[in-house]
Protein backbone atom coordinates (compact mmCIF):
# COMPACT_ATOMS: atom_id res chain seq x y z
CA MET A 1 160.59 -116.85 -158.57
CA PRO A 2 161.97 -116.13 -155.10
CA ALA A 3 165.48 -116.86 -153.31
CA ALA A 4 163.17 -118.58 -151.22
CA HIS A 5 162.34 -121.42 -153.23
CA GLY A 6 165.98 -121.55 -154.75
CA LYS A 7 168.53 -124.51 -153.57
CA SER A 8 171.30 -122.75 -152.25
CA ASP A 9 172.98 -123.58 -149.75
CA ALA A 10 171.64 -120.39 -147.29
CA ALA A 11 168.07 -121.54 -148.48
CA VAL A 12 168.78 -125.85 -147.26
CA GLU A 13 170.31 -124.18 -144.10
CA GLU A 14 167.07 -122.66 -143.06
CA GLU A 15 164.99 -126.14 -144.30
CA VAL A 16 167.47 -127.62 -141.36
CA ALA A 17 166.37 -124.21 -139.01
CA LEU A 18 162.63 -124.65 -140.14
CA GLY A 19 162.85 -128.24 -139.20
CA TYR A 20 162.50 -130.03 -142.27
CA ASP A 21 165.87 -132.22 -141.86
CA VAL A 22 166.40 -132.69 -145.62
CA LEU A 23 169.28 -134.88 -145.28
CA SER A 24 167.29 -137.41 -143.21
CA GLN A 25 164.35 -137.00 -145.49
CA VAL A 26 166.26 -138.40 -149.08
CA SER A 27 167.51 -141.05 -147.19
CA ARG A 28 164.05 -141.99 -146.08
CA ALA A 29 162.84 -141.39 -149.62
CA GLU A 30 165.01 -143.52 -150.94
CA GLY A 31 163.51 -145.15 -154.30
CA ILE A 32 161.54 -142.41 -155.51
CA GLY A 33 162.98 -139.95 -158.14
CA ARG A 34 165.66 -136.86 -157.53
CA ASP A 35 162.79 -134.96 -159.09
CA TYR A 36 160.23 -135.51 -157.00
CA GLN A 37 162.14 -135.46 -154.07
CA LEU A 38 163.11 -131.11 -155.32
CA LYS A 39 159.40 -130.90 -155.88
CA CYS A 40 157.95 -132.49 -152.95
CA ASN A 41 160.31 -129.89 -150.77
CA LEU A 42 159.28 -126.58 -152.64
CA ILE A 43 155.71 -128.15 -151.88
CA ASN A 44 156.35 -128.80 -148.45
CA ARG A 45 157.02 -125.06 -148.82
CA CYS A 46 154.84 -123.34 -149.92
CA PHE A 47 152.60 -125.18 -147.81
CA GLN A 48 154.63 -124.17 -144.49
CA GLU A 49 155.34 -120.48 -145.28
CA GLU A 50 152.69 -119.85 -148.23
CA ILE A 51 149.86 -121.36 -146.89
CA GLY A 52 149.66 -122.17 -143.50
CA PHE A 53 147.04 -124.14 -141.49
CA GLY A 54 143.79 -122.34 -141.94
CA ARG A 55 140.04 -122.83 -142.62
CA TYR A 56 140.96 -125.76 -145.50
CA GLN A 57 143.12 -127.79 -142.64
CA TRP A 58 140.69 -127.44 -140.92
CA GLN A 59 137.38 -128.75 -142.38
CA LEU A 60 139.58 -131.06 -143.50
CA PHE A 61 140.56 -132.55 -140.24
CA ALA A 62 137.12 -133.31 -139.87
CA ILE A 63 135.65 -133.86 -142.83
CA THR A 64 138.59 -137.56 -142.75
CA GLY A 65 138.43 -137.43 -139.13
CA LEU A 66 135.00 -138.36 -139.91
CA GLY A 67 135.87 -141.73 -142.33
CA TRP A 68 138.39 -142.50 -138.87
CA LEU A 69 135.37 -142.28 -136.71
CA ALA A 70 133.29 -144.46 -139.72
CA ASP A 71 135.98 -146.92 -139.35
CA ASN A 72 135.82 -147.44 -135.31
CA LEU A 73 132.18 -147.06 -135.01
CA TRP A 74 131.05 -150.43 -137.89
CA LEU A 75 134.49 -152.20 -135.89
CA GLN A 76 132.75 -151.27 -132.35
CA GLY A 77 129.21 -151.27 -133.86
CA LEU A 78 129.40 -155.33 -134.77
CA ALA A 79 130.81 -156.00 -131.15
CA ILE A 80 128.26 -154.06 -129.17
CA VAL A 81 125.15 -155.93 -131.21
CA LEU A 82 126.64 -159.80 -131.07
CA PRO A 83 125.19 -160.75 -127.76
CA GLN A 84 121.82 -159.60 -129.31
CA VAL A 85 122.70 -161.45 -133.06
CA GLN A 86 123.57 -164.45 -131.02
CA GLN A 87 119.92 -164.97 -129.31
CA GLU A 88 117.96 -164.20 -131.82
CA LEU A 89 119.89 -165.78 -135.19
CA ASN A 90 120.94 -168.43 -132.91
CA PRO A 91 125.27 -169.32 -134.98
CA VAL A 92 126.92 -171.99 -134.12
CA ARG A 93 129.74 -169.33 -133.31
CA VAL A 94 128.56 -165.83 -133.47
CA GLU A 95 132.84 -165.20 -133.71
CA TYR A 96 131.88 -165.94 -137.31
CA ALA A 97 130.07 -162.00 -137.55
CA VAL A 98 134.27 -161.09 -136.70
CA LEU A 99 135.23 -163.30 -138.94
CA ALA A 100 133.02 -161.74 -141.87
CA GLU A 101 134.17 -158.57 -141.33
CA PHE A 102 137.79 -159.01 -141.37
CA ALA A 103 137.23 -160.34 -144.74
CA GLY A 104 136.41 -157.19 -145.56
CA LEU A 105 138.45 -154.80 -144.47
CA ILE A 106 141.49 -156.91 -145.38
CA VAL A 107 140.22 -156.46 -149.05
CA GLY A 108 139.01 -153.20 -148.65
CA ALA A 109 142.38 -152.09 -147.07
CA THR A 110 144.37 -153.55 -150.08
CA THR A 111 142.10 -152.15 -152.91
CA TRP A 112 141.43 -148.85 -151.62
CA GLY A 113 145.26 -148.32 -150.62
CA ILE A 114 146.41 -149.42 -153.75
CA MET A 115 143.95 -147.44 -156.05
CA ALA A 116 145.15 -144.23 -154.05
CA ASP A 117 148.33 -144.59 -155.43
CA LEU A 118 147.09 -145.33 -158.69
CA VAL A 119 144.23 -143.40 -159.49
CA GLY A 120 144.85 -141.09 -156.61
CA ARG A 121 143.33 -140.09 -153.77
CA ILE A 122 139.80 -138.76 -153.93
CA LEU A 123 138.35 -141.78 -155.53
CA SER A 124 138.53 -143.84 -152.27
CA PHE A 125 138.24 -141.47 -150.19
CA ASN A 126 134.92 -141.14 -151.34
CA ILE A 127 133.40 -144.35 -152.36
CA THR A 128 134.14 -146.09 -148.98
CA LEU A 129 131.85 -144.61 -147.05
CA PHE A 130 128.72 -144.38 -149.49
CA LEU A 131 129.53 -148.42 -149.45
CA ALA A 132 129.27 -148.91 -145.77
CA GLY A 133 126.62 -147.13 -145.37
CA LEU A 134 125.10 -148.45 -148.38
CA PHE A 135 125.92 -152.00 -146.34
CA GLY A 136 125.72 -151.77 -143.40
CA LEU A 137 122.01 -150.30 -143.34
CA ALA A 138 120.81 -153.75 -145.56
CA ALA A 139 122.27 -155.74 -142.40
CA ALA A 140 120.30 -154.33 -140.04
CA GLY A 141 117.20 -156.23 -142.06
CA ALA A 142 119.24 -159.22 -142.40
CA PRO A 143 116.99 -162.42 -142.09
CA ASN A 144 119.06 -165.23 -140.98
CA PHE A 145 123.30 -165.59 -139.69
CA VAL A 146 125.08 -166.35 -142.93
CA ILE A 147 122.78 -162.61 -145.07
CA PHE A 148 124.10 -160.90 -142.53
CA CYS A 149 128.00 -162.77 -142.53
CA SER A 150 127.61 -161.87 -146.78
CA LEU A 151 125.81 -157.98 -145.63
CA ILE A 152 128.86 -157.00 -142.87
CA ALA A 153 131.45 -158.66 -144.79
CA CYS A 154 130.70 -156.38 -147.33
CA MET A 155 130.32 -153.44 -145.26
CA GLY A 156 134.18 -154.29 -143.81
CA PHE A 157 135.25 -154.06 -147.93
CA GLY A 158 134.29 -150.07 -147.26
CA ILE A 159 134.99 -149.41 -144.31
CA GLY A 160 138.84 -151.08 -144.66
CA GLY A 161 139.99 -148.23 -146.95
CA ASN A 162 138.90 -145.36 -145.03
CA LEU A 163 142.09 -145.27 -142.32
CA PRO A 164 145.14 -145.86 -145.53
CA VAL A 165 143.49 -143.40 -147.57
CA ASP A 166 142.35 -140.48 -144.76
CA GLY A 167 145.05 -140.78 -143.20
CA ALA A 168 147.56 -140.43 -146.63
CA LEU A 169 145.44 -136.63 -148.08
CA TYR A 170 145.80 -135.86 -144.87
CA LEU A 171 149.18 -135.62 -144.17
CA GLU A 172 149.61 -133.96 -148.34
CA HIS A 173 148.05 -130.94 -146.93
CA ILE A 174 149.46 -129.94 -144.18
CA PRO A 175 152.36 -128.15 -143.03
CA GLN A 176 155.31 -129.80 -141.23
CA SER A 177 154.57 -127.47 -137.77
CA HIS A 178 151.26 -128.95 -138.24
CA GLN A 179 151.61 -132.28 -138.86
CA TRP A 180 150.81 -133.70 -134.81
CA THR A 181 147.46 -132.91 -135.48
CA LEU A 182 147.52 -136.20 -137.59
CA THR A 183 148.19 -137.87 -133.87
CA LEU A 184 144.93 -135.65 -132.89
CA LEU A 185 142.95 -137.21 -136.18
CA SER A 186 142.49 -140.49 -133.60
CA VAL A 187 140.56 -138.82 -131.40
CA TRP A 188 137.75 -139.43 -133.87
CA TRP A 189 138.65 -143.47 -133.82
CA ALA A 190 137.99 -142.80 -130.59
CA LEU A 191 134.30 -140.97 -130.59
CA GLY A 192 134.01 -143.63 -132.65
CA GLN A 193 133.58 -145.25 -130.33
CA LEU A 194 131.74 -143.41 -128.07
CA VAL A 195 129.22 -142.74 -130.15
CA ALA A 196 128.24 -146.54 -131.27
CA SER A 197 127.71 -147.24 -127.10
CA LEU A 198 125.82 -145.05 -126.22
CA ILE A 199 123.39 -145.57 -129.41
CA SER A 200 123.24 -149.20 -128.53
CA TRP A 201 122.83 -148.50 -125.38
CA ALA A 202 120.16 -146.56 -126.00
CA PHE A 203 117.80 -149.00 -128.17
CA ILE A 204 119.21 -152.93 -127.12
CA ALA A 205 119.14 -151.33 -123.57
CA ASN A 206 114.96 -151.30 -124.01
CA PHE A 207 114.35 -153.10 -127.16
CA SER A 208 115.98 -156.45 -126.50
CA CYS A 209 115.50 -160.11 -125.09
CA ASN A 210 116.13 -160.73 -121.75
CA PRO A 211 119.30 -162.01 -121.08
CA SER A 212 117.98 -165.69 -119.48
CA ILE A 213 116.27 -166.70 -122.87
CA PRO A 214 118.23 -168.96 -124.93
CA SER A 215 119.86 -168.74 -128.25
CA GLY A 216 116.95 -168.74 -131.17
CA GLN A 217 114.19 -168.92 -128.85
CA CYS A 218 114.18 -165.08 -129.05
CA ALA A 219 112.00 -163.29 -130.91
CA LYS A 220 113.06 -160.43 -133.62
CA SER A 221 109.82 -158.30 -132.59
CA ALA A 222 111.24 -158.16 -128.71
CA ASN A 223 115.12 -157.86 -130.04
CA MET A 224 114.94 -154.91 -132.79
CA GLY A 225 117.16 -153.27 -130.30
CA TRP A 226 120.80 -154.69 -132.14
CA ARG A 227 118.69 -153.22 -135.57
CA TYR A 228 117.62 -150.33 -134.65
CA THR A 229 121.55 -150.14 -133.57
CA LEU A 230 122.47 -150.96 -136.52
CA TYR A 231 119.95 -149.16 -138.45
CA THR A 232 121.34 -145.51 -137.24
CA LEU A 233 124.59 -146.54 -137.50
CA GLY A 234 124.05 -146.59 -141.51
CA ALA A 235 122.83 -143.49 -141.35
CA LEU A 236 125.03 -141.52 -139.69
CA THR A 237 127.54 -143.29 -141.69
CA PHE A 238 125.96 -142.26 -145.12
CA LEU A 239 125.66 -138.92 -143.78
CA MET A 240 129.69 -138.53 -143.83
CA PHE A 241 129.30 -140.05 -147.22
CA ILE A 242 127.44 -136.77 -148.25
CA CYS A 243 129.10 -134.43 -146.21
CA ARG A 244 131.77 -135.70 -148.07
CA PHE A 245 130.85 -135.80 -151.49
CA PHE A 246 128.25 -132.81 -152.29
CA VAL A 247 129.04 -130.12 -148.90
CA PHE A 248 133.37 -130.02 -148.52
CA ASP A 249 135.36 -129.72 -152.00
CA VAL A 250 137.66 -131.81 -150.91
CA GLN A 251 140.84 -131.17 -153.50
CA GLU A 252 143.60 -134.20 -155.32
CA SER A 253 147.11 -134.43 -153.51
CA SER A 254 149.57 -132.08 -155.16
CA LYS A 255 152.29 -134.17 -153.78
CA PHE A 256 150.03 -137.04 -156.13
CA LEU A 257 149.89 -135.00 -158.52
CA VAL A 258 153.48 -134.07 -159.11
CA ALA A 259 154.51 -137.29 -158.78
CA GLN A 260 152.39 -138.64 -161.64
CA GLY A 261 153.68 -135.31 -164.15
CA ARG A 262 150.60 -133.47 -163.52
CA ASP A 263 151.91 -130.55 -162.25
CA GLU A 264 149.75 -127.51 -163.83
CA GLU A 265 147.31 -129.46 -161.88
CA ALA A 266 149.34 -129.25 -158.52
CA ILE A 267 149.65 -125.87 -159.20
CA LYS A 268 145.83 -125.32 -159.63
CA VAL A 269 145.56 -127.00 -156.32
CA LEU A 270 147.92 -125.56 -153.79
CA GLU A 271 146.31 -122.16 -155.26
CA HIS A 272 142.89 -123.14 -154.46
CA ILE A 273 143.98 -123.93 -150.73
CA ALA A 274 145.61 -120.53 -150.24
CA ARG A 275 142.97 -119.13 -151.68
CA ARG A 276 140.35 -121.32 -148.55
CA ASN A 277 143.30 -119.41 -146.38
CA GLY A 278 142.31 -116.23 -147.44
CA ARG A 279 147.00 -116.39 -148.60
CA THR A 280 148.53 -116.64 -151.78
CA ILE A 281 151.49 -118.80 -152.57
CA THR A 282 154.25 -117.54 -155.61
CA LEU A 283 155.06 -120.95 -156.60
CA LYS A 284 155.02 -121.45 -160.09
CA LEU A 285 154.46 -123.34 -162.59
CA GLU A 286 157.78 -122.77 -164.23
CA ASP A 287 159.06 -123.58 -160.80
CA LEU A 288 158.54 -127.00 -161.19
CA GLN A 289 159.25 -128.06 -165.15
CA ALA A 290 162.14 -126.12 -163.83
CA ILE A 291 162.94 -129.46 -162.22
CA SER A 292 162.45 -131.88 -165.11
CA GLY A 293 163.14 -129.86 -167.90
CA ASP A 294 159.56 -130.85 -169.28
CA THR A 295 157.20 -127.68 -170.14
CA THR A 296 154.52 -129.97 -172.09
CA SER A 297 151.35 -129.85 -169.72
CA LYS A 298 149.96 -133.40 -169.72
CA PRO A 299 146.38 -134.14 -170.34
CA VAL A 300 144.37 -134.47 -167.25
CA PRO A 301 142.93 -138.08 -167.56
CA ASN A 302 138.99 -139.01 -166.74
CA LEU A 303 138.16 -141.86 -164.78
CA SER A 304 137.95 -144.52 -166.32
CA THR A 305 140.95 -143.65 -168.11
CA SER A 306 142.70 -143.52 -165.54
CA VAL A 307 141.84 -146.56 -164.19
CA TRP A 308 142.21 -148.85 -167.12
CA ASN A 309 146.13 -147.45 -167.59
CA SER A 310 146.86 -148.82 -164.02
CA PHE A 311 145.23 -151.50 -163.43
CA SER A 312 147.36 -152.09 -167.42
CA LYS A 313 150.51 -151.68 -165.83
CA MET A 314 149.92 -152.40 -162.52
CA SER A 315 153.65 -153.80 -160.69
CA LEU A 316 155.28 -153.91 -157.44
CA SER A 317 156.84 -150.28 -158.35
CA HIS A 318 154.53 -148.87 -155.32
CA VAL A 319 156.24 -151.94 -153.19
CA ARG A 320 160.39 -151.78 -153.89
CA PRO A 321 160.98 -148.97 -152.82
CA LEU A 322 159.95 -149.19 -149.67
CA PHE A 323 162.37 -152.20 -149.48
CA SER A 324 164.75 -150.10 -151.49
CA ASN A 325 167.56 -150.21 -148.59
CA ARG A 326 168.26 -152.14 -145.73
CA ARG A 327 167.33 -149.69 -143.29
CA LEU A 328 164.16 -149.57 -145.60
CA VAL A 329 163.76 -153.23 -145.29
CA ILE A 330 163.76 -153.08 -141.51
CA ASN A 331 161.38 -150.46 -140.70
CA THR A 332 159.21 -151.06 -144.07
CA THR A 333 159.43 -155.30 -142.06
CA LEU A 334 158.65 -154.40 -139.01
CA ILE A 335 155.78 -151.74 -138.54
CA ILE A 336 154.29 -153.90 -140.82
CA VAL A 337 154.54 -156.69 -138.08
CA ILE A 338 153.62 -154.00 -135.60
CA TRP A 339 150.77 -153.70 -137.57
CA GLY A 340 149.65 -157.58 -137.94
CA LEU A 341 150.17 -158.47 -134.43
CA ILE A 342 148.39 -155.43 -133.01
CA GLY A 343 145.71 -156.33 -135.63
CA ILE A 344 145.29 -160.06 -133.58
CA ALA A 345 145.38 -158.17 -130.24
CA TYR A 346 143.26 -155.13 -130.20
CA PRO A 347 139.79 -157.07 -131.79
CA LEU A 348 141.02 -160.09 -129.61
CA PHE A 349 139.86 -157.76 -126.73
CA ASN A 350 137.74 -155.10 -127.56
CA ALA A 351 135.53 -157.00 -130.10
CA TYR A 352 133.79 -159.13 -127.27
CA LEU A 353 134.52 -156.54 -124.88
CA PRO A 354 130.23 -156.15 -123.86
CA LEU A 355 130.55 -160.08 -123.54
CA TYR A 356 133.17 -160.38 -121.20
CA LEU A 357 131.56 -157.16 -119.47
CA SER A 358 128.28 -159.63 -119.70
CA ALA A 359 129.88 -162.93 -118.40
CA GLN A 360 131.59 -160.89 -115.76
CA GLY A 361 128.48 -159.47 -114.34
CA SER A 362 126.36 -162.77 -115.14
CA ALA A 363 129.03 -164.49 -112.29
CA SER A 364 128.62 -161.27 -109.76
CA GLY A 365 124.79 -161.77 -110.08
CA SER A 366 124.52 -158.62 -112.28
CA SER A 367 123.74 -159.40 -115.74
CA SER A 368 121.44 -156.50 -116.87
CA VAL A 369 121.99 -155.11 -120.25
CA SER A 370 121.78 -152.06 -119.21
CA GLU A 371 124.48 -152.52 -116.99
CA THR A 372 126.72 -153.83 -119.30
CA TYR A 373 126.67 -151.12 -122.21
CA ARG A 374 126.77 -148.77 -119.55
CA ASN A 375 129.89 -150.07 -118.89
CA TYR A 376 131.12 -149.80 -122.39
CA SER A 377 129.80 -146.75 -122.82
CA ILE A 378 132.57 -145.92 -119.76
CA VAL A 379 134.99 -147.69 -121.55
CA SER A 380 134.27 -145.63 -124.50
CA VAL A 381 134.50 -142.23 -123.15
CA LEU A 382 138.06 -143.02 -120.74
CA GLY A 383 139.09 -143.48 -124.65
CA ILE A 384 138.92 -140.22 -125.24
CA PRO A 385 141.73 -138.24 -122.82
CA GLY A 386 144.55 -141.98 -124.42
CA SER A 387 144.55 -139.50 -128.22
CA LEU A 388 145.01 -136.34 -125.97
CA ILE A 389 147.45 -137.56 -124.41
CA ALA A 390 149.00 -139.43 -127.05
CA CYS A 391 149.09 -135.70 -129.30
CA ALA A 392 150.76 -133.93 -126.01
CA THR A 393 153.67 -135.96 -126.18
CA VAL A 394 154.60 -136.81 -129.83
CA ASP A 395 156.12 -134.16 -131.06
CA TYR A 396 158.71 -131.61 -130.12
CA THR A 397 160.94 -128.88 -131.59
CA ARG A 398 164.04 -128.25 -132.28
CA GLY A 399 165.44 -124.67 -130.53
CA SER A 400 162.37 -123.60 -129.00
CA GLY A 401 162.87 -123.66 -125.23
CA ARG A 402 160.45 -126.82 -125.20
CA TRP A 403 160.43 -129.84 -123.48
CA LEU A 404 161.60 -132.52 -125.39
CA VAL A 405 159.29 -135.48 -125.21
CA GLY A 406 160.69 -138.02 -127.03
CA GLY A 407 158.82 -138.66 -130.61
CA ARG A 408 156.36 -141.05 -131.85
CA LYS A 409 158.38 -144.73 -131.57
CA LEU A 410 159.04 -144.54 -127.22
CA VAL A 411 155.24 -142.87 -126.84
CA LEU A 412 154.04 -145.82 -129.08
CA ALA A 413 156.24 -148.38 -127.19
CA VAL A 414 155.22 -147.79 -124.22
CA SER A 415 151.06 -147.45 -125.39
CA THR A 416 151.70 -150.59 -126.54
CA MET A 417 153.38 -151.85 -123.27
CA LEU A 418 151.10 -150.78 -120.54
CA THR A 419 148.20 -151.23 -122.97
CA GLY A 420 149.66 -155.46 -122.62
CA LEU A 421 150.23 -155.08 -118.29
CA PHE A 422 146.58 -153.66 -118.00
CA LEU A 423 144.84 -156.48 -120.05
CA PHE A 424 147.25 -159.21 -117.79
CA LEU A 425 145.43 -157.51 -114.87
CA PHE A 426 142.51 -157.78 -116.59
CA THR A 427 142.61 -161.53 -116.15
CA THR A 428 143.19 -160.77 -112.98
CA SER A 429 139.55 -159.30 -111.96
CA LYS A 430 137.20 -160.85 -109.64
CA THR A 431 134.66 -158.30 -109.23
CA THR A 432 133.03 -156.18 -111.70
CA ALA A 433 134.95 -153.00 -110.72
CA ALA A 434 138.20 -154.22 -111.25
CA VAL A 435 136.93 -155.58 -114.86
CA LEU A 436 135.69 -151.75 -115.81
CA GLY A 437 138.76 -150.50 -113.85
CA TYR A 438 141.42 -152.22 -115.84
CA SER A 439 139.08 -152.30 -119.27
CA CYS A 440 139.29 -148.30 -119.08
CA ALA A 441 143.15 -147.82 -118.53
CA SER A 442 143.69 -150.53 -121.17
CA GLY A 443 140.94 -148.42 -123.12
CA LEU A 444 143.00 -145.06 -122.59
CA THR A 445 146.23 -146.69 -123.42
CA GLN A 446 144.75 -148.44 -126.28
CA ASN A 447 143.81 -145.13 -128.03
CA ALA A 448 147.38 -143.72 -127.31
CA MET A 449 149.17 -146.56 -128.82
CA TYR A 450 146.67 -146.16 -131.71
CA GLY A 451 147.07 -142.60 -132.19
CA VAL A 452 150.48 -142.57 -132.55
CA LEU A 453 150.51 -145.01 -134.69
CA TYR A 454 148.24 -144.17 -137.30
CA ALA A 455 150.43 -140.82 -137.84
CA TYR A 456 153.96 -142.74 -137.81
CA THR A 457 152.49 -145.27 -140.12
CA PRO A 458 151.87 -142.80 -143.21
CA GLU A 459 155.08 -140.06 -142.19
CA VAL A 460 157.76 -142.72 -142.74
CA PHE A 461 156.17 -143.89 -146.46
CA PRO A 462 157.21 -141.46 -149.39
CA ALA A 463 153.49 -139.67 -151.02
CA PRO A 464 154.90 -141.73 -153.99
CA HIS A 465 153.93 -144.85 -152.15
CA ARG A 466 152.32 -143.94 -149.09
CA GLY A 467 149.25 -145.37 -150.40
CA THR A 468 150.77 -148.82 -150.71
CA GLY A 469 152.57 -148.55 -147.65
CA ASP A 470 149.33 -147.73 -145.52
CA ALA A 471 147.79 -150.94 -147.72
CA LEU A 472 150.16 -152.73 -146.64
CA CYS A 473 150.11 -152.01 -142.65
CA SER A 474 146.34 -151.87 -143.11
CA ALA A 475 145.65 -155.26 -144.68
CA LEU A 476 147.95 -157.29 -142.72
CA ASN A 477 146.32 -155.70 -139.50
CA ARG A 478 143.20 -156.89 -140.90
CA ILE A 479 144.53 -160.29 -141.37
CA GLY A 480 145.43 -160.39 -137.77
CA GLY A 481 141.70 -159.16 -137.24
CA LEU A 482 140.68 -162.91 -139.27
CA ILE A 483 143.02 -164.49 -137.04
CA ALA A 484 141.55 -162.81 -133.76
CA PRO A 485 137.66 -165.16 -133.56
CA LEU A 486 139.75 -168.43 -134.52
CA ILE A 487 141.98 -167.93 -131.09
CA LYS A 488 138.83 -166.89 -130.04
CA ILE A 489 136.98 -169.25 -130.85
CA ALA A 490 139.32 -172.34 -129.97
CA THR A 491 139.57 -170.91 -126.32
CA THR A 492 136.07 -170.57 -126.07
CA PRO A 493 132.96 -173.83 -125.90
CA LEU A 494 131.45 -174.66 -128.60
CA SER A 495 127.72 -173.61 -127.69
CA GLY A 496 129.38 -169.59 -127.76
CA ASN A 497 128.63 -169.00 -123.76
CA THR A 498 131.96 -166.67 -122.26
CA SER A 499 132.01 -167.53 -119.05
CA ALA A 500 134.63 -165.17 -116.50
CA ASN A 501 136.58 -167.70 -116.42
CA THR A 502 137.16 -168.96 -120.32
CA ALA A 503 137.47 -164.69 -120.97
CA ASN A 504 141.12 -165.19 -120.31
CA GLY A 505 142.26 -167.39 -122.56
CA PRO A 506 141.83 -164.82 -125.50
CA VAL A 507 142.84 -161.91 -123.03
CA PHE A 508 145.82 -163.40 -122.11
CA VAL A 509 146.95 -163.90 -126.05
CA SER A 510 145.65 -160.40 -126.67
CA ALA A 511 147.84 -159.14 -123.80
CA ALA A 512 151.17 -161.19 -125.02
CA LEU A 513 150.76 -160.09 -128.17
CA PHE A 514 150.65 -155.94 -126.82
CA MET A 515 153.72 -157.06 -125.20
CA VAL A 516 156.04 -158.09 -128.00
CA ALA A 517 154.52 -155.65 -130.33
CA ALA A 518 156.26 -152.93 -127.62
CA ILE A 519 159.28 -154.81 -127.94
CA LEU A 520 159.34 -154.68 -131.76
CA THR A 521 158.56 -150.73 -132.08
CA ILE A 522 161.51 -149.66 -130.31
CA LEU A 523 164.06 -151.76 -132.62
CA LEU A 524 161.85 -149.40 -135.33
CA PRO A 525 165.16 -147.49 -136.85
CA ILE A 526 163.71 -143.95 -138.20
CA GLU A 527 161.80 -141.95 -135.98
CA THR A 528 159.67 -139.07 -137.67
CA ALA A 529 159.23 -136.51 -134.90
CA GLY A 530 159.88 -133.41 -135.60
CA LYS A 531 160.52 -133.98 -139.71
CA MET A 532 158.22 -133.00 -142.84
CA ALA A 533 156.53 -135.99 -144.25
CA LEU A 534 157.70 -136.69 -148.07
């Protein structure tokens, strides 16, 4: 066994020099076992010094990125088709479709996130896109609004597991030197909105009823654009599932495996990834077994056994460690609340942006469907640089001479506060140009905000409980999304028609919630920039 894997004073000093910050990690990781911490340090060192960031990681970046793309693809996809759904299916409140989507997202985020800690990341990773694609395609053929909402809820159940699971799986397969790429993953999320907007622009602008036709009087044959849009989104989601399941050989998390006592499988995973990168590793099974003193190999459980054992022993064992001391209580509580506030604020504006743009166009005398979705596409394009800005500013390297930017918390607070500011300005807009300008500005800062938030959250939770921590945050975020349509309903007329004036109520609430979330971000006691995730 090379000395590099020992726990001597010299080795600890070397870890600090590499930016591991072991003492800080241990304090953040209270509630997990000593054996796991030591094994995790060996795995982290193996990734940093031997496996590196190579072919496997770049492919994993793409395949997990597809999950992030699919999440926003459907979030924005539903928002895009709402005006045409309202015109054809004539619901009492079209906002109920968003309510149904977020109901499914809540259950999906909780189920698949917790399952990732109980039976492993791979099951949740693969099944979420399959369910989303299946029910998304079915929703495109819905004959009435009730069936449409039911199928959208089932689609949400599938897509809801993407963000908590995909981010955790990716983080657990990369070295500390490249944790900044977790923020870069948010580019895929921004691309999801762009893809949805371009597809809808092509179909809805050419295969929809005239906006002047009253709701309920628009024939299905003349309004197929929204259905073509959902058919296309469903087909794309199914294609993503095929890439995950049949094309790319995704490995289980080695950190999950050692947390389950399956050290032999963990070593095989590390050796497989190293081969894909053209590398070899010196870490051996004996090194891990020496820490726990257990030299027996646990058999590989089959899926049905894993699921049965996990649910028969289900408890709060993955929740309590997230609140095991005062510092973690404060940090975990704040980050969950921040997710909840943003969960209300984000869809309160973005889920109805096409309606707001259409309403503003009507007020200014320019209400063509093509112009509405052209403007929405412009907003989507401007969101992509936000992810790149977040990626460039969230990290720093100690002692390297590189500019010290300030870390996750500062960038998250600033981008969230700017989002609130631009939305306040949105409510003062009197022209289509002003609405479009403030929408673009908020789109940029929102994507920067989400890029940092998606990186910080899995980093702050240790791997044995990361899926559960991410699930709690994502679930409260989706609960917030469930509340957003209720606020929208309470602040708009029963007719469902959103005028330029009535749009200001929910947007003002959204802006205020972003401001509150920014203040809470400053109070987070834990900074993860420059630290290796356990």
